[in-house]
Amino acid sequence: MFDTALTANDLVFLAKGAGMTLLVTAISVFFGTILGILFGVIRYQIGPWWATPMTLVLDVFRSIPLLIQLVLANAFITTVLGLRISGFAVACGVLSLYTAAYCAEIVRGGIESVPQTLRRAARSLGMTWGQDMTYVVLPLATRVALPSWIGLALGVMKDSALVYIVQVVELLKSTQILITRLQEPLFLLMICGLFYFLISFPIARFGGYLEKRWSND
């Protein structure tokens, strides 16, 4: 018969870790998406040549592994700048920029998918550039970009497991702490995976619902 030393308090500890994972993910995806929309619109509007400096910066965040970004950012802020900033703030800041770098490409691709004839028709009706972007381009681009954005959000949630390096106790770190104490790695990792599934599944299903609904409009 299966026996475990896991207690209700340990499950609460894991749930708190899952809550931290959700919090870091929500903050990072929120601010990363806002920045990503801004960067994506700028890249599309001013063209690839003039946007080269910004593109190079975004490529840095896309190319360097997230773990290295977290370590370097934490060392730079605390050692070089001498600032006292919590690991949570460092994690959210780095993950937000990491998200923005990928979201910018998703937004740019979504905008480019909108037919130019539709944009010219909007301008011929007297719409300004802002009205064209707000009422025509972005709503249509959102439908195209949504699946990729959902995938990005879920990827950021899983990548948030790396924030343990800046002393943030999220879900995976909580699991590792319990593994060290209880010495039941397989069972605890199964529970950790279940927590990740319970977090991810509603988000994925909601994205699928929106995609299906919009495709029928």
Protein backbone atom coordinates (compact mmCIF):
# COMPACT_ATOMS: atom_id res chain seq x y z
CA MET A 1 0.00 0.00 0.00
CA PHE A 2 1.27 3.47 -0.93
CA ASP A 3 2.49 5.54 1.99
CA THR A 4 3.68 9.15 2.06
CA ALA A 5 4.87 11.63 4.63
CA LEU A 6 3.16 14.48 2.76
CA THR A 7 0.81 16.45 4.99
CA ALA A 8 -1.96 18.99 4.45
CA ASN A 9 0.45 21.76 5.47
CA ASP A 10 2.82 20.61 2.72
CA LEU A 11 0.01 20.89 0.16
CA VAL A 12 -0.72 24.39 1.43
CA PHE A 13 2.97 25.19 0.99
CA LEU A 14 2.80 23.95 -2.61
CA ALA A 15 -0.37 25.95 -3.20
CA LYS A 16 1.40 29.10 -1.99
CA GLY A 17 4.21 28.32 -4.43
CA ALA A 18 1.62 27.96 -7.20
CA GLY A 19 0.14 31.30 -6.18
CA MET A 20 3.57 32.91 -6.48
CA THR A 21 3.96 31.35 -9.93
CA LEU A 22 0.61 32.81 -10.98
CA LEU A 23 1.46 36.23 -9.56
CA VAL A 24 4.85 36.45 -11.27
CA THR A 25 3.32 35.22 -14.53
CA ALA A 26 0.35 37.61 -14.40
CA ILE A 27 2.52 40.67 -13.72
CA SER A 28 5.10 39.72 -16.33
CA VAL A 29 2.56 38.91 -19.04
CA PHE A 30 0.55 42.08 -18.33
CA PHE A 31 3.45 44.51 -18.55
CA GLY A 32 5.22 42.45 -21.22
CA THR A 33 2.13 42.54 -23.42
CA ILE A 34 1.75 46.31 -23.06
CA LEU A 35 5.40 46.82 -23.99
CA GLY A 36 5.14 44.21 -26.73
CA ILE A 37 2.20 46.00 -28.35
CA LEU A 38 4.11 49.28 -28.21
CA PHE A 39 7.30 47.77 -29.65
CA GLY A 40 5.38 45.79 -32.28
CA VAL A 41 3.49 48.84 -33.53
CA ILE A 42 6.71 50.88 -33.63
CA ARG A 43 8.54 48.15 -35.56
CA TYR A 44 5.73 47.90 -38.08
CA GLN A 45 5.17 51.62 -38.46
CA ILE A 46 8.75 52.87 -38.88
CA GLY A 47 10.01 49.87 -40.83
CA PRO A 48 12.77 47.31 -40.21
CA TRP A 49 15.67 49.63 -41.07
CA TRP A 50 14.85 52.46 -38.65
CA ALA A 51 13.80 49.96 -35.97
CA THR A 52 17.14 48.15 -36.12
CA PRO A 53 18.48 49.41 -32.74
CA MET A 54 15.29 48.38 -30.95
CA THR A 55 15.26 45.06 -32.81
CA LEU A 56 18.81 44.32 -31.68
CA VAL A 57 17.85 44.97 -28.04
CA LEU A 58 14.81 42.71 -28.32
CA ASP A 59 16.96 40.04 -29.97
CA VAL A 60 19.21 40.08 -26.91
CA PHE A 61 16.27 39.11 -24.68
CA ARG A 62 15.15 36.45 -27.16
CA SER A 63 18.62 34.97 -27.67
CA ILE A 64 20.12 34.84 -24.16
CA PRO A 65 18.73 32.08 -21.91
CA LEU A 66 16.36 33.41 -19.28
CA LEU A 67 18.42 31.95 -16.43
CA ILE A 68 21.46 33.97 -17.49
CA GLN A 69 19.33 37.12 -17.82
CA LEU A 70 18.06 36.71 -14.27
CA VAL A 71 21.54 36.15 -12.83
CA LEU A 72 23.07 39.08 -14.71
CA ALA A 73 20.21 41.46 -13.92
CA ASN A 74 20.30 40.59 -10.23
CA ALA A 75 24.10 40.97 -10.07
CA PHE A 76 24.03 44.27 -11.97
CA ILE A 77 21.32 45.80 -9.79
CA THR A 78 22.70 44.67 -6.44
CA THR A 79 26.45 44.69 -7.08
CA VAL A 80 27.10 47.33 -9.73
CA LEU A 81 24.29 49.78 -8.91
CA GLY A 82 24.27 48.93 -5.22
CA LEU A 83 20.46 48.97 -5.05
CA ARG A 84 18.42 46.85 -2.70
CA ILE A 85 15.65 45.36 -4.79
CA SER A 86 13.76 42.20 -3.94
CA GLY A 87 14.20 39.09 -6.03
CA PHE A 88 10.50 39.28 -6.84
CA ALA A 89 10.92 42.70 -8.47
CA VAL A 90 13.97 41.52 -10.43
CA ALA A 91 12.10 38.42 -11.60
CA CYS A 92 9.05 40.41 -12.74
CA GLY A 93 11.21 43.02 -14.50
CA VAL A 94 13.30 40.51 -16.43
CA LEU A 95 10.32 38.32 -17.31
CA SER A 96 8.35 41.38 -18.49
CA LEU A 97 11.11 42.38 -20.90
CA TYR A 98 11.53 38.75 -21.97
CA THR A 99 7.78 38.57 -22.69
CA ALA A 100 7.82 41.93 -24.50
CA ALA A 101 10.60 40.76 -26.82
CA TYR A 102 8.50 37.84 -28.07
CA CYS A 103 5.17 39.66 -27.93
CA ALA A 104 6.53 42.43 -30.19
CA GLU A 105 7.04 39.92 -33.01
CA ILE A 106 3.59 38.43 -32.44
CA VAL A 107 2.01 41.89 -32.65
CA ARG A 108 4.00 42.88 -35.71
CA GLY A 109 3.01 39.67 -37.49
CA GLY A 110 -0.65 40.20 -36.56
CA ILE A 111 -0.64 43.76 -37.91
CA GLU A 112 1.01 42.67 -41.14
CA SER A 113 -1.75 40.07 -41.64
CA VAL A 114 -4.37 42.84 -42.00
CA PRO A 115 -4.94 43.50 -45.74
CA GLN A 116 -3.67 46.87 -46.92
CA THR A 117 -6.83 47.32 -48.99
CA LEU A 118 -8.86 47.32 -45.79
CA ARG A 119 -6.60 49.96 -44.28
CA ARG A 120 -6.84 52.13 -47.39
CA ALA A 121 -10.63 51.81 -47.26
CA ALA A 122 -10.60 52.98 -43.63
CA ARG A 123 -8.46 55.99 -44.56
CA SER A 124 -10.75 56.82 -47.49
CA LEU A 125 -13.63 57.05 -45.00
CA GLY A 126 -11.74 59.79 -43.18
CA MET A 127 -10.27 57.77 -40.34
CA THR A 128 -7.06 59.02 -38.77
CA TRP A 129 -4.07 56.74 -38.24
CA GLY A 130 -5.06 56.29 -34.60
CA GLN A 131 -8.67 55.44 -35.46
CA ASP A 132 -7.48 53.03 -38.16
CA MET A 133 -5.22 51.22 -35.68
CA THR A 134 -7.81 51.21 -32.88
CA TYR A 135 -10.96 50.21 -34.74
CA VAL A 136 -9.67 48.25 -37.72
CA VAL A 137 -6.11 46.94 -37.44
CA LEU A 138 -5.74 45.90 -33.79
CA PRO A 139 -9.10 44.05 -33.52
CA LEU A 140 -8.29 42.01 -36.64
CA ALA A 141 -4.66 41.52 -35.66
CA THR A 142 -5.74 40.28 -32.22
CA ARG A 143 -7.62 37.38 -33.79
CA VAL A 144 -4.50 36.32 -35.65
CA ALA A 145 -2.12 36.88 -32.74
CA LEU A 146 -4.22 35.32 -29.97
CA PRO A 147 -3.08 31.66 -30.35
CA SER A 148 0.58 32.70 -30.34
CA TRP A 149 0.01 35.02 -27.38
CA ILE A 150 -1.67 32.23 -25.38
CA GLY A 151 1.29 30.00 -26.14
CA LEU A 152 3.66 32.76 -25.02
CA ALA A 153 1.75 33.27 -21.75
CA LEU A 154 1.87 29.55 -20.98
CA GLY A 155 5.56 29.46 -21.86
CA VAL A 156 6.28 32.37 -19.50
CA MET A 157 4.41 30.57 -16.74
CA LYS A 158 6.66 27.52 -17.13
CA ASP A 159 9.78 29.65 -17.52
CA SER A 160 8.93 31.35 -14.24
CA ALA A 161 10.31 28.22 -12.56
CA LEU A 162 13.75 29.76 -13.14
CA VAL A 163 13.12 32.69 -10.80
CA TYR A 164 14.30 30.52 -7.92
CA ILE A 165 17.76 31.78 -8.87
CA VAL A 166 16.84 35.21 -7.43
CA GLN A 167 15.38 33.68 -4.25
CA VAL A 168 11.73 33.62 -5.29
CA VAL A 169 9.95 30.56 -3.88
CA GLU A 170 7.52 29.59 -6.63
CA LEU A 171 5.92 26.22 -7.36
CA LEU A 172 8.96 24.27 -8.53
CA LYS A 173 11.19 25.67 -5.78
CA SER A 174 8.52 24.73 -3.22
CA THR A 175 8.54 21.21 -4.64
CA GLN A 176 12.32 21.01 -4.43
CA ILE A 177 12.22 22.09 -0.77
CA LEU A 178 9.75 19.32 0.02
CA ILE A 179 11.76 16.77 -1.96
CA THR A 180 14.81 17.59 0.15
CA ARG A 181 12.83 17.10 3.35
CA LEU A 182 10.56 14.17 2.46
CA GLN A 183 12.77 12.30 -0.04
CA GLU A 184 9.80 11.46 -2.30
CA PRO A 185 10.86 13.02 -5.63
CA LEU A 186 8.60 11.16 -8.07
CA PHE A 187 5.43 11.63 -6.04
CA LEU A 188 6.11 15.30 -5.35
CA LEU A 189 7.00 16.02 -8.98
CA MET A 190 3.72 14.40 -10.03
CA ILE A 191 1.84 16.74 -7.68
CA CYS A 192 3.87 19.69 -9.00
CA GLY A 193 2.96 18.70 -12.56
CA LEU A 194 -0.70 18.47 -11.53
CA PHE A 195 -0.56 22.01 -10.15
CA TYR A 196 0.96 23.28 -13.41
CA PHE A 197 -1.77 21.48 -15.37
CA LEU A 198 -4.53 22.96 -13.23
CA ILE A 199 -3.08 26.42 -13.84
CA SER A 200 -2.46 25.99 -17.56
CA PHE A 201 -5.57 24.11 -18.70
CA PRO A 202 -8.16 26.87 -18.06
CA ILE A 203 -5.98 29.43 -19.83
CA ALA A 204 -5.50 27.19 -22.86
CA ARG A 205 -9.22 26.32 -23.01
CA PHE A 206 -10.25 29.97 -22.70
CA GLY A 207 -7.92 30.87 -25.56
CA GLY A 208 -9.39 28.06 -27.65
CA TYR A 209 -12.90 29.27 -26.86
CA LEU A 210 -12.11 32.82 -27.97
CA GLU A 211 -10.39 31.60 -31.13
CA LYS A 212 -13.36 29.41 -32.06
CA ARG A 213 -15.88 32.13 -31.30
CA TRP A 214 -14.06 34.76 -33.34
CA SER A 215 -13.62 32.38 -36.28
CA ASN A 216 -17.41 32.00 -36.47
CA ASP A 217 -18.08 35.76 -36.49
